[in-house]
Amino acid sequence: MSIVIYLVAMALTTYLIRMIPFTAFRKQIRSEFLRSFLYYVPFAVLGAMTFPAVFYSTGNVITAIAGTLVAVILALFNRSLIIVALSAVLTAFITGIFLP
């Protein structure tokens, strides 16, 4: 029975989080600051959730840092997503081979 209570609580929480903005902002938001803030919130939350996990994904922080550095450098040079991802994985793999 307690699992049903947990499921109902999760459903209500998810529903409230999604419905409060719809009820609070019925008219179009005209403030440029608020619109730009709301535009970037999903990117910031996604980055905050995934970036720390990158350093624990390989089991070795050094290989993770090497792969992240390669990904950041290639992204700064506007390389495609597939090139950035494959290069980061390959760098982390090769670094892991040469580390003791």
PDB file of N, CA and C in Angstrom:
ATOM      1  N   MET A   1       0.816  -1.201   0.000  1.00  0.00           N
ATOM      2  CA  MET A   1       0.000   0.000   0.000  1.00  0.00           C
ATOM      3  C   MET A   1       0.858   1.262   0.000  1.00  0.00           C
ATOM      4  N   SER A   2       2.031   1.188   0.640  1.00  0.00           N
ATOM      5  CA  SER A   2       2.862   2.384   0.718  1.00  0.00           C
ATOM      6  C   SER A   2       3.423   2.778  -0.652  1.00  0.00           C
ATOM      7  N   ILE A   3       3.591   1.807  -1.538  1.00  0.00           N
ATOM      8  CA  ILE A   3       4.092   2.149  -2.871  1.00  0.00           C
ATOM      9  C   ILE A   3       3.056   2.962  -3.645  1.00  0.00           C
ATOM     10  N   VAL A   4       1.786   2.714  -3.406  1.00  0.00           N
ATOM     11  CA  VAL A   4       0.727   3.487  -4.055  1.00  0.00           C
ATOM     12  C   VAL A   4       0.770   4.929  -3.557  1.00  0.00           C
ATOM     13  N   ILE A   5       1.013   5.118  -2.288  1.00  0.00           N
ATOM     14  CA  ILE A   5       1.126   6.469  -1.724  1.00  0.00           C
ATOM     15  C   ILE A   5       2.314   7.195  -2.339  1.00  0.00           C
ATOM     16  N   TYR A   6       3.425   6.511  -2.497  1.00  0.00           N
ATOM     17  CA  TYR A   6       4.598   7.112  -3.127  1.00  0.00           C
ATOM     18  C   TYR A   6       4.319   7.499  -4.581  1.00  0.00           C
ATOM     19  N   LEU A   7       3.652   6.620  -5.316  1.00  0.00           N
ATOM     20  CA  LEU A   7       3.328   6.914  -6.714  1.00  0.00           C
ATOM     21  C   LEU A   7       2.388   8.109  -6.835  1.00  0.00           C
ATOM     22  N   VAL A   8       1.390   8.186  -5.957  1.00  0.00           N
ATOM     23  CA  VAL A   8       0.463   9.311  -5.982  1.00  0.00           C
ATOM     24  C   VAL A   8       1.191  10.603  -5.622  1.00  0.00           C
ATOM     25  N   ALA A   9       2.068  10.550  -4.632  1.00  0.00           N
ATOM     26  CA  ALA A   9       2.827  11.748  -4.241  1.00  0.00           C
ATOM     27  C   ALA A   9       3.732  12.213  -5.380  1.00  0.00           C
ATOM     28  N   MET A  10       4.389  11.281  -6.058  1.00  0.00           N
ATOM     29  CA  MET A  10       5.243  11.657  -7.192  1.00  0.00           C
ATOM     30  C   MET A  10       4.413  12.231  -8.335  1.00  0.00           C
ATOM     31  N   ALA A  11       3.256  11.654  -8.600  1.00  0.00           N
ATOM     32  CA  ALA A  11       2.403  12.153  -9.672  1.00  0.00           C
ATOM     33  C   ALA A  11       1.907  13.559  -9.361  1.00  0.00           C
ATOM     34  N   LEU A  12       1.485  13.800  -8.129  1.00  0.00           N
ATOM     35  CA  LEU A  12       1.031  15.136  -7.746  1.00  0.00           C
ATOM     36  C   LEU A  12       2.160  16.159  -7.816  1.00  0.00           C
ATOM     37  N   THR A  13       3.324  15.771  -7.352  1.00  0.00           N
ATOM     38  CA  THR A  13       4.465  16.685  -7.395  1.00  0.00           C
ATOM     39  C   THR A  13       4.819  17.038  -8.830  1.00  0.00           C
ATOM     40  N   THR A  14       4.878  16.044  -9.687  1.00  0.00           N
ATOM     41  CA  THR A  14       5.196  16.296 -11.094  1.00  0.00           C
ATOM     42  C   THR A  14       4.122  17.162 -11.740  1.00  0.00           C
ATOM     43  N   TYR A  15       2.871  16.880 -11.436  1.00  0.00           N
ATOM     44  CA  TYR A  15       1.774  17.659 -12.005  1.00  0.00           C
ATOM     45  C   TYR A  15       1.830  19.113 -11.531  1.00  0.00           C
ATOM     46  N   LEU A  16       2.057  19.329 -10.251  1.00  0.00           N
ATOM     47  CA  LEU A  16       2.113  20.697  -9.718  1.00  0.00           C
ATOM     48  C   LEU A  16       3.272  21.486 -10.309  1.00  0.00           C
ATOM     49  N   ILE A  17       4.424  20.846 -10.461  1.00  0.00           N
ATOM     50  CA  ILE A  17       5.580  21.536 -11.029  1.00  0.00           C
ATOM     51  C   ILE A  17       5.295  21.971 -12.456  1.00  0.00           C
ATOM     52  N   ARG A  18       4.545  21.191 -13.192  1.00  0.00           N
ATOM     53  CA  ARG A  18       4.246  21.541 -14.581  1.00  0.00           C
ATOM     54  C   ARG A  18       3.076  22.513 -14.716  1.00  0.00           C
ATOM     55  N   MET A  19       2.137  22.503 -13.757  1.00  0.00           N
ATOM     56  CA  MET A  19       0.945  23.330 -13.888  1.00  0.00           C
ATOM     57  C   MET A  19       1.081  24.713 -13.251  1.00  0.00           C
ATOM     58  N   ILE A  20       1.929  24.879 -12.265  1.00  0.00           N
ATOM     59  CA  ILE A  20       2.072  26.187 -11.618  1.00  0.00           C
ATOM     60  C   ILE A  20       2.496  27.274 -12.602  1.00  0.00           C
ATOM     61  N   PRO A  21       3.473  27.054 -13.475  1.00  0.00           N
ATOM     62  CA  PRO A  21       3.798  28.117 -14.442  1.00  0.00           C
ATOM     63  C   PRO A  21       2.635  28.459 -15.377  1.00  0.00           C
ATOM     64  N   PHE A  22       1.840  27.474 -15.757  1.00  0.00           N
ATOM     65  CA  PHE A  22       0.702  27.755 -16.639  1.00  0.00           C
ATOM     66  C   PHE A  22      -0.340  28.615 -15.953  1.00  0.00           C
ATOM     67  N   THR A  23      -0.557  28.389 -14.672  1.00  0.00           N
ATOM     68  CA  THR A  23      -1.551  29.189 -13.955  1.00  0.00           C
ATOM     69  C   THR A  23      -0.997  30.540 -13.519  1.00  0.00           C
ATOM     70  N   ALA A  24       0.300  30.621 -13.258  1.00  0.00           N
ATOM     71  CA  ALA A  24       0.885  31.878 -12.791  1.00  0.00           C
ATOM     72  C   ALA A  24       1.105  32.860 -13.936  1.00  0.00           C
ATOM     73  N   PHE A  25       1.436  32.366 -15.111  1.00  0.00           N
ATOM     74  CA  PHE A  25       1.723  33.227 -16.258  1.00  0.00           C
ATOM     75  C   PHE A  25       0.678  32.982 -17.349  1.00  0.00           C
ATOM     76  N   ARG A  26      -0.478  33.576 -17.202  1.00  0.00           N
ATOM     77  CA  ARG A  26      -1.535  33.388 -18.198  1.00  0.00           C
ATOM     78  C   ARG A  26      -1.317  34.269 -19.418  1.00  0.00           C
ATOM     79  N   LYS A  27      -0.745  35.441 -19.225  1.00  0.00           N
ATOM     80  CA  LYS A  27      -0.499  36.343 -20.343  1.00  0.00           C
ATOM     81  C   LYS A  27       0.928  36.139 -20.848  1.00  0.00           C
ATOM     82  N   GLN A  28       1.187  36.672 -22.021  1.00  0.00           N
ATOM     83  CA  GLN A  28       2.535  36.570 -22.579  1.00  0.00           C
ATOM     84  C   GLN A  28       3.493  37.398 -21.729  1.00  0.00           C
ATOM     85  N   ILE A  29       4.676  36.849 -21.491  1.00  0.00           N
ATOM     86  CA  ILE A  29       5.688  37.532 -20.692  1.00  0.00           C
ATOM     87  C   ILE A  29       6.373  38.554 -21.583  1.00  0.00           C
ATOM     88  N   ARG A  30       6.316  39.823 -21.175  1.00  0.00           N
ATOM     89  CA  ARG A  30       6.879  40.891 -21.993  1.00  0.00           C
ATOM     90  C   ARG A  30       8.275  41.310 -21.546  1.00  0.00           C
ATOM     91  N   SER A  31       8.639  40.969 -20.344  1.00  0.00           N
ATOM     92  CA  SER A  31       9.957  41.348 -19.832  1.00  0.00           C
ATOM     93  C   SER A  31      11.043  40.556 -20.565  1.00  0.00           C
ATOM     94  N   GLU A  32      11.948  41.272 -21.225  1.00  0.00           N
ATOM     95  CA  GLU A  32      13.033  40.609 -21.949  1.00  0.00           C
ATOM     96  C   GLU A  32      13.946  39.847 -20.997  1.00  0.00           C
ATOM     97  N   PHE A  33      14.191  40.412 -19.814  1.00  0.00           N
ATOM     98  CA  PHE A  33      15.053  39.746 -18.841  1.00  0.00           C
ATOM     99  C   PHE A  33      14.444  38.424 -18.397  1.00  0.00           C
ATOM    100  N   LEU A  34      13.160  38.445 -18.039  1.00  0.00           N
ATOM    101  CA  LEU A  34      12.504  37.226 -17.580  1.00  0.00           C
ATOM    102  C   LEU A  34      12.398  36.193 -18.703  1.00  0.00           C
ATOM    103  N   ARG A  35      12.122  36.636 -19.911  1.00  0.00           N
ATOM    104  CA  ARG A  35      12.053  35.702 -21.036  1.00  0.00           C
ATOM    105  C   ARG A  35      13.405  35.056 -21.305  1.00  0.00           C
ATOM    106  N   SER A  36      14.479  35.841 -21.276  1.00  0.00           N
ATOM    107  CA  SER A  36      15.798  35.257 -21.511  1.00  0.00           C
ATOM    108  C   SER A  36      16.199  34.345 -20.359  1.00  0.00           C
ATOM    109  N   PHE A  37      15.825  34.714 -19.132  1.00  0.00           N
ATOM    110  CA  PHE A  37      16.112  33.866 -17.979  1.00  0.00           C
ATOM    111  C   PHE A  37      15.413  32.516 -18.126  1.00  0.00           C
ATOM    112  N   LEU A  38      14.133  32.543 -18.463  1.00  0.00           N
ATOM    113  CA  LEU A  38      13.383  31.301 -18.626  1.00  0.00           C
ATOM    114  C   LEU A  38      13.863  30.494 -19.826  1.00  0.00           C
ATOM    115  N   TYR A  39      14.407  31.154 -20.831  1.00  0.00           N
ATOM    116  CA  TYR A  39      14.933  30.445 -21.993  1.00  0.00           C
ATOM    117  C   TYR A  39      16.166  29.613 -21.623  1.00  0.00           C
ATOM    118  N   TYR A  40      17.036  30.160 -20.775  1.00  0.00           N
ATOM    119  CA  TYR A  40      18.289  29.474 -20.460  1.00  0.00           C
ATOM    120  C   TYR A  40      18.204  28.524 -19.273  1.00  0.00           C
ATOM    121  N   VAL A  41      17.117  28.504 -18.541  1.00  0.00           N
ATOM    122  CA  VAL A  41      16.998  27.623 -17.375  1.00  0.00           C
ATOM    123  C   VAL A  41      17.162  26.148 -17.744  1.00  0.00           C
ATOM    124  N   PRO A  42      16.514  25.625 -18.781  1.00  0.00           N
ATOM    125  CA  PRO A  42      16.706  24.197 -19.081  1.00  0.00           C
ATOM    126  C   PRO A  42      18.158  23.830 -19.390  1.00  0.00           C
ATOM    127  N   PHE A  43      18.877  24.707 -20.095  1.00  0.00           N
ATOM    128  CA  PHE A  43      20.277  24.424 -20.403  1.00  0.00           C
ATOM    129  C   PHE A  43      21.127  24.421 -19.135  1.00  0.00           C
ATOM    130  N   ALA A  44      20.862  25.365 -18.248  1.00  0.00           N
ATOM    131  CA  ALA A  44      21.632  25.448 -17.006  1.00  0.00           C
ATOM    132  C   ALA A  44      21.370  24.238 -16.115  1.00  0.00           C
ATOM    133  N   VAL A  45      20.120  23.819 -16.028  1.00  0.00           N
ATOM    134  CA  VAL A  45      19.784  22.664 -15.196  1.00  0.00           C
ATOM    135  C   VAL A  45      20.395  21.391 -15.779  1.00  0.00           C
ATOM    136  N   LEU A  46      20.309  21.231 -17.091  1.00  0.00           N
ATOM    137  CA  LEU A  46      20.910  20.060 -17.728  1.00  0.00           C
ATOM    138  C   LEU A  46      22.416  20.023 -17.511  1.00  0.00           C
ATOM    139  N   GLY A  47      23.061  21.173 -17.660  1.00  0.00           N
ATOM    140  CA  GLY A  47      24.505  21.231 -17.421  1.00  0.00           C
ATOM    141  C   GLY A  47      24.863  20.936 -15.977  1.00  0.00           C
ATOM    142  N   ALA A  48      24.087  21.463 -15.052  1.00  0.00           N
ATOM    143  CA  ALA A  48      24.362  21.225 -13.632  1.00  0.00           C
ATOM    144  C   ALA A  48      24.140  19.771 -13.242  1.00  0.00           C
ATOM    145  N   MET A  49      23.244  19.100 -13.933  1.00  0.00           N
ATOM    146  CA  MET A  49      22.998  17.696 -13.616  1.00  0.00           C
ATOM    147  C   MET A  49      24.017  16.760 -14.260  1.00  0.00           C
ATOM    148  N   THR A  50      24.463  17.079 -15.460  1.00  0.00           N
ATOM    149  CA  THR A  50      25.323  16.135 -16.175  1.00  0.00           C
ATOM    150  C   THR A  50      26.812  16.380 -15.986  1.00  0.00           C
ATOM    151  N   PHE A  51      27.219  17.631 -15.829  1.00  0.00           N
ATOM    152  CA  PHE A  51      28.654  17.913 -15.776  1.00  0.00           C
ATOM    153  C   PHE A  51      29.368  17.216 -14.620  1.00  0.00           C
ATOM    154  N   PRO A  52      28.837  17.219 -13.378  1.00  0.00           N
ATOM    155  CA  PRO A  52      29.547  16.483 -12.316  1.00  0.00           C
ATOM    156  C   PRO A  52      29.624  14.982 -12.578  1.00  0.00           C
ATOM    157  N   ALA A  53      28.621  14.420 -13.249  1.00  0.00           N
ATOM    158  CA  ALA A  53      28.627  12.982 -13.516  1.00  0.00           C
ATOM    159  C   ALA A  53      29.700  12.595 -14.512  1.00  0.00           C
ATOM    160  N   VAL A  54      30.155  13.541 -15.326  1.00  0.00           N
ATOM    161  CA  VAL A  54      31.193  13.265 -16.316  1.00  0.00           C
ATOM    162  C   VAL A  54      32.467  12.785 -15.623  1.00  0.00           C
ATOM    163  N   PHE A  55      32.789  13.358 -14.487  1.00  0.00           N
ATOM    164  CA  PHE A  55      34.045  13.034 -13.818  1.00  0.00           C
ATOM    165  C   PHE A  55      34.024  11.691 -13.108  1.00  0.00           C
ATOM    166  N   TYR A  56      32.861  11.091 -12.959  1.00  0.00           N
ATOM    167  CA  TYR A  56      32.778   9.777 -12.330  1.00  0.00           C
ATOM    168  C   TYR A  56      32.371   8.686 -13.317  1.00  0.00           C
ATOM    169  N   SER A  57      32.206   9.038 -14.573  1.00  0.00           N
ATOM    170  CA  SER A  57      31.698   8.078 -15.556  1.00  0.00           C
ATOM    171  C   SER A  57      32.726   7.017 -15.939  1.00  0.00           C
ATOM    172  N   THR A  58      34.010   7.361 -15.927  1.00  0.00           N
ATOM    173  CA  THR A  58      35.016   6.404 -16.368  1.00  0.00           C
ATOM    174  C   THR A  58      35.615   5.598 -15.228  1.00  0.00           C
ATOM    175  N   GLY A  59      35.366   6.002 -14.015  1.00  0.00           N
ATOM    176  CA  GLY A  59      35.976   5.324 -12.877  1.00  0.00           C
ATOM    177  C   GLY A  59      37.348   5.860 -12.543  1.00  0.00           C
ATOM    178  N   ASN A  60      37.870   6.752 -13.360  1.00  0.00           N
ATOM    179  CA  ASN A  60      39.168   7.376 -13.125  1.00  0.00           C
ATOM    180  C   ASN A  60      39.032   8.856 -13.482  1.00  0.00           C
ATOM    181  N   VAL A  61      39.302   9.702 -12.528  1.00  0.00           N
ATOM    182  CA  VAL A  61      39.108  11.139 -12.727  1.00  0.00           C
ATOM    183  C   VAL A  61      40.061  11.689 -13.787  1.00  0.00           C
ATOM    184  N   ILE A  62      41.264  11.144 -13.891  1.00  0.00           N
ATOM    185  CA  ILE A  62      42.244  11.651 -14.857  1.00  0.00           C
ATOM    186  C   ILE A  62      41.769  11.406 -16.288  1.00  0.00           C
ATOM    187  N   THR A  63      41.262  10.219 -16.565  1.00  0.00           N
ATOM    188  CA  THR A  63      40.763   9.948 -17.917  1.00  0.00           C
ATOM    189  C   THR A  63      39.537  10.806 -18.229  1.00  0.00           C
ATOM    190  N   ALA A  64      38.700  11.036 -17.228  1.00  0.00           N
ATOM    191  CA  ALA A  64      37.522  11.878 -17.432  1.00  0.00           C
ATOM    192  C   ALA A  64      37.916  13.318 -17.720  1.00  0.00           C
ATOM    193  N   ILE A  65      38.908  13.820 -17.013  1.00  0.00           N
ATOM    194  CA  ILE A  65      39.377  15.196 -17.250  1.00  0.00           C
ATOM    195  C   ILE A  65      39.988  15.312 -18.643  1.00  0.00           C
ATOM    196  N   ALA A  66      40.752  14.317 -19.050  1.00  0.00           N
ATOM    197  CA  ALA A  66      41.358  14.352 -20.388  1.00  0.00           C
ATOM    198  C   ALA A  66      40.285  14.371 -21.472  1.00  0.00           C
ATOM    199  N   GLY A  67      39.284  13.523 -21.350  1.00  0.00           N
ATOM    200  CA  GLY A  67      38.201  13.502 -22.321  1.00  0.00           C
ATOM    201  C   GLY A  67      37.395  14.791 -22.323  1.00  0.00           C
ATOM    202  N   THR A  68      37.168  15.348 -21.142  1.00  0.00           N
ATOM    203  CA  THR A  68      36.422  16.607 -21.041  1.00  0.00           C
ATOM    204  C   THR A  68      37.200  17.751 -21.671  1.00  0.00           C
ATOM    205  N   LEU A  69      38.495  17.802 -21.434  1.00  0.00           N
ATOM    206  CA  LEU A  69      39.315  18.869 -22.026  1.00  0.00           C
ATOM    207  C   LEU A  69      39.303  18.798 -23.556  1.00  0.00           C
ATOM    208  N   VAL A  70      39.419  17.610 -24.088  1.00  0.00           N
ATOM    209  CA  VAL A  70      39.375  17.453 -25.545  1.00  0.00           C
ATOM    210  C   VAL A  70      38.011  17.881 -26.077  1.00  0.00           C
ATOM    211  N   ALA A  71      36.942  17.494 -25.382  1.00  0.00           N
ATOM    212  CA  ALA A  71      35.598  17.872 -25.824  1.00  0.00           C
ATOM    213  C   ALA A  71      35.399  19.384 -25.786  1.00  0.00           C
ATOM    214  N   VAL A  72      35.867  20.034 -24.739  1.00  0.00           N
ATOM    215  CA  VAL A  72      35.712  21.486 -24.619  1.00  0.00           C
ATOM    216  C   VAL A  72      36.507  22.202 -25.706  1.00  0.00           C
ATOM    217  N   ILE A  73      37.729  21.753 -25.928  1.00  0.00           N
ATOM    218  CA  ILE A  73      38.569  22.406 -26.946  1.00  0.00           C
ATOM    219  C   ILE A  73      37.954  22.244 -28.345  1.00  0.00           C
ATOM    220  N   LEU A  74      37.498  21.036 -28.672  1.00  0.00           N
ATOM    221  CA  LEU A  74      36.891  20.828 -29.984  1.00  0.00           C
ATOM    222  C   LEU A  74      35.572  21.594 -30.124  1.00  0.00           C
ATOM    223  N   ALA A  75      34.820  21.692 -29.044  1.00  0.00           N
ATOM    224  CA  ALA A  75      33.569  22.454 -29.095  1.00  0.00           C
ATOM    225  C   ALA A  75      33.841  23.939 -29.287  1.00  0.00           C
ATOM    226  N   LEU A  76      34.921  24.432 -28.709  1.00  0.00           N
ATOM    227  CA  LEU A  76      35.274  25.838 -28.907  1.00  0.00           C
ATOM    228  C   LEU A  76      35.655  26.129 -30.352  1.00  0.00           C
ATOM    229  N   PHE A  77      36.150  25.124 -31.052  1.00  0.00           N
ATOM    230  CA  PHE A  77      36.486  25.282 -32.463  1.00  0.00           C
ATOM    231  C   PHE A  77      35.321  24.909 -33.382  1.00  0.00           C
ATOM    232  N   ASN A  78      34.112  24.815 -32.812  1.00  0.00           N
ATOM    233  CA  ASN A  78      32.869  24.576 -33.558  1.00  0.00           C
ATOM    234  C   ASN A  78      32.881  23.278 -34.361  1.00  0.00           C
ATOM    235  N   ARG A  79      33.439  22.236 -33.807  1.00  0.00           N
ATOM    236  CA  ARG A  79      33.374  20.931 -34.464  1.00  0.00           C
ATOM    237  C   ARG A  79      31.986  20.332 -34.255  1.00  0.00           C
ATOM    238  N   SER A  80      31.642  19.357 -35.060  1.00  0.00           N
ATOM    239  CA  SER A  80      30.312  18.749 -34.946  1.00  0.00           C
ATOM    240  C   SER A  80      30.215  17.912 -33.671  1.00  0.00           C
ATOM    241  N   LEU A  81      28.980  17.660 -33.258  1.00  0.00           N
ATOM    242  CA  LEU A  81      28.744  16.930 -32.018  1.00  0.00           C
ATOM    243  C   LEU A  81      29.324  15.525 -32.061  1.00  0.00           C
ATOM    244  N   ILE A  82      29.213  14.855 -33.185  1.00  0.00           N
ATOM    245  CA  ILE A  82      29.726  13.490 -33.291  1.00  0.00           C
ATOM    246  C   ILE A  82      31.247  13.469 -33.195  1.00  0.00           C
ATOM    247  N   ILE A  83      31.906  14.457 -33.780  1.00  0.00           N
ATOM    248  CA  ILE A  83      33.367  14.545 -33.695  1.00  0.00           C
ATOM    249  C   ILE A  83      33.794  14.812 -32.249  1.00  0.00           C
ATOM    250  N   VAL A  84      33.103  15.725 -31.592  1.00  0.00           N
ATOM    251  CA  VAL A  84      33.433  16.050 -30.199  1.00  0.00           C
ATOM    252  C   VAL A  84      33.243  14.835 -29.309  1.00  0.00           C
ATOM    253  N   ALA A  85      32.103  14.152 -29.447  1.00  0.00           N
ATOM    254  CA  ALA A  85      31.818  13.004 -28.590  1.00  0.00           C
ATOM    255  C   ALA A  85      32.789  11.850 -28.842  1.00  0.00           C
ATOM    256  N   LEU A  86      33.024  11.524 -30.096  1.00  0.00           N
ATOM    257  CA  LEU A  86      33.935  10.415 -30.396  1.00  0.00           C
ATOM    258  C   LEU A  86      35.366  10.718 -29.976  1.00  0.00           C
ATOM    259  N   SER A  87      35.788  11.959 -30.157  1.00  0.00           N
ATOM    260  CA  SER A  87      37.144  12.329 -29.747  1.00  0.00           C
ATOM    261  C   SER A  87      37.303  12.280 -28.235  1.00  0.00           C
ATOM    262  N   ALA A  88      36.298  12.703 -27.512  1.00  0.00           N
ATOM    263  CA  ALA A  88      36.362  12.657 -26.052  1.00  0.00           C
ATOM    264  C   ALA A  88      36.410  11.210 -25.552  1.00  0.00           C
ATOM    265  N   VAL A  89      35.598  10.358 -26.157  1.00  0.00           N
ATOM    266  CA  VAL A  89      35.598   8.949 -25.755  1.00  0.00           C
ATOM    267  C   VAL A  89      36.933   8.299 -26.085  1.00  0.00           C
ATOM    268  N   LEU A  90      37.441   8.567 -27.269  1.00  0.00           N
ATOM    269  CA  LEU A  90      38.722   7.984 -27.680  1.00  0.00           C
ATOM    270  C   LEU A  90      39.855   8.480 -26.782  1.00  0.00           C
ATOM    271  N   THR A  91      39.839   9.753 -26.443  1.00  0.00           N
ATOM    272  CA  THR A  91      40.867  10.293 -25.553  1.00  0.00           C
ATOM    273  C   THR A  91      40.806   9.641 -24.169  1.00  0.00           C
ATOM    274  N   ALA A  92      39.612   9.507 -23.625  1.00  0.00           N
ATOM    275  CA  ALA A  92      39.472   8.872 -22.318  1.00  0.00           C
ATOM    276  C   ALA A  92      39.914   7.414 -22.367  1.00  0.00           C
ATOM    277  N   PHE A  93      39.603   6.737 -23.469  1.00  0.00           N
ATOM    278  CA  PHE A  93      39.997   5.326 -23.611  1.00  0.00           C
ATOM    279  C   PHE A  93      41.512   5.193 -23.706  1.00  0.00           C
ATOM    280  N   ILE A  94      42.124   5.996 -24.549  1.00  0.00           N
ATOM    281  CA  ILE A  94      43.591   5.917 -24.730  1.00  0.00           C
ATOM    282  C   ILE A  94      44.313   6.324 -23.448  1.00  0.00           C
ATOM    283  N   THR A  95      43.799   7.357 -22.775  1.00  0.00           N
ATOM    284  CA  THR A  95      44.417   7.763 -21.513  1.00  0.00           C
ATOM    285  C   THR A  95      44.316   6.653 -20.489  1.00  0.00           C
ATOM    286  N   GLY A  96      43.197   5.948 -20.469  1.00  0.00           N
ATOM    287  CA  GLY A  96      43.027   4.829 -19.537  1.00  0.00           C
ATOM    288  C   GLY A  96      43.963   3.673 -19.829  1.00  0.00           C
ATOM    289  N   ILE A  97      44.327   3.479 -21.085  1.00  0.00           N
ATOM    290  CA  ILE A  97      45.235   2.394 -21.437  1.00  0.00           C
ATOM    291  C   ILE A  97      46.639   2.693 -20.907  1.00  0.00           C
ATOM    292  N   PHE A  98      47.079   3.940 -21.036  1.00  0.00           N
ATOM    293  CA  PHE A  98      48.444   4.288 -20.658  1.00  0.00           C
ATOM    294  C   PHE A  98      48.634   4.591 -19.185  1.00  0.00           C
ATOM    295  N   LEU A  99      47.553   4.735 -18.440  1.00  0.00           N
ATOM    296  CA  LEU A  99      47.692   4.938 -16.996  1.00  0.00           C
ATOM    297  C   LEU A  99      47.842   3.603 -16.294  1.00  0.00           C
ATOM    298  N   PRO A 100      48.580   3.574 -15.218  1.00  0.00           N
ATOM    299  CA  PRO A 100      48.747   2.290 -14.501  1.00  0.00           C
ATOM    300  C   PRO A 100      47.509   1.850 -13.788  1.00  0.00           C
TER     301      PRO A 100
END
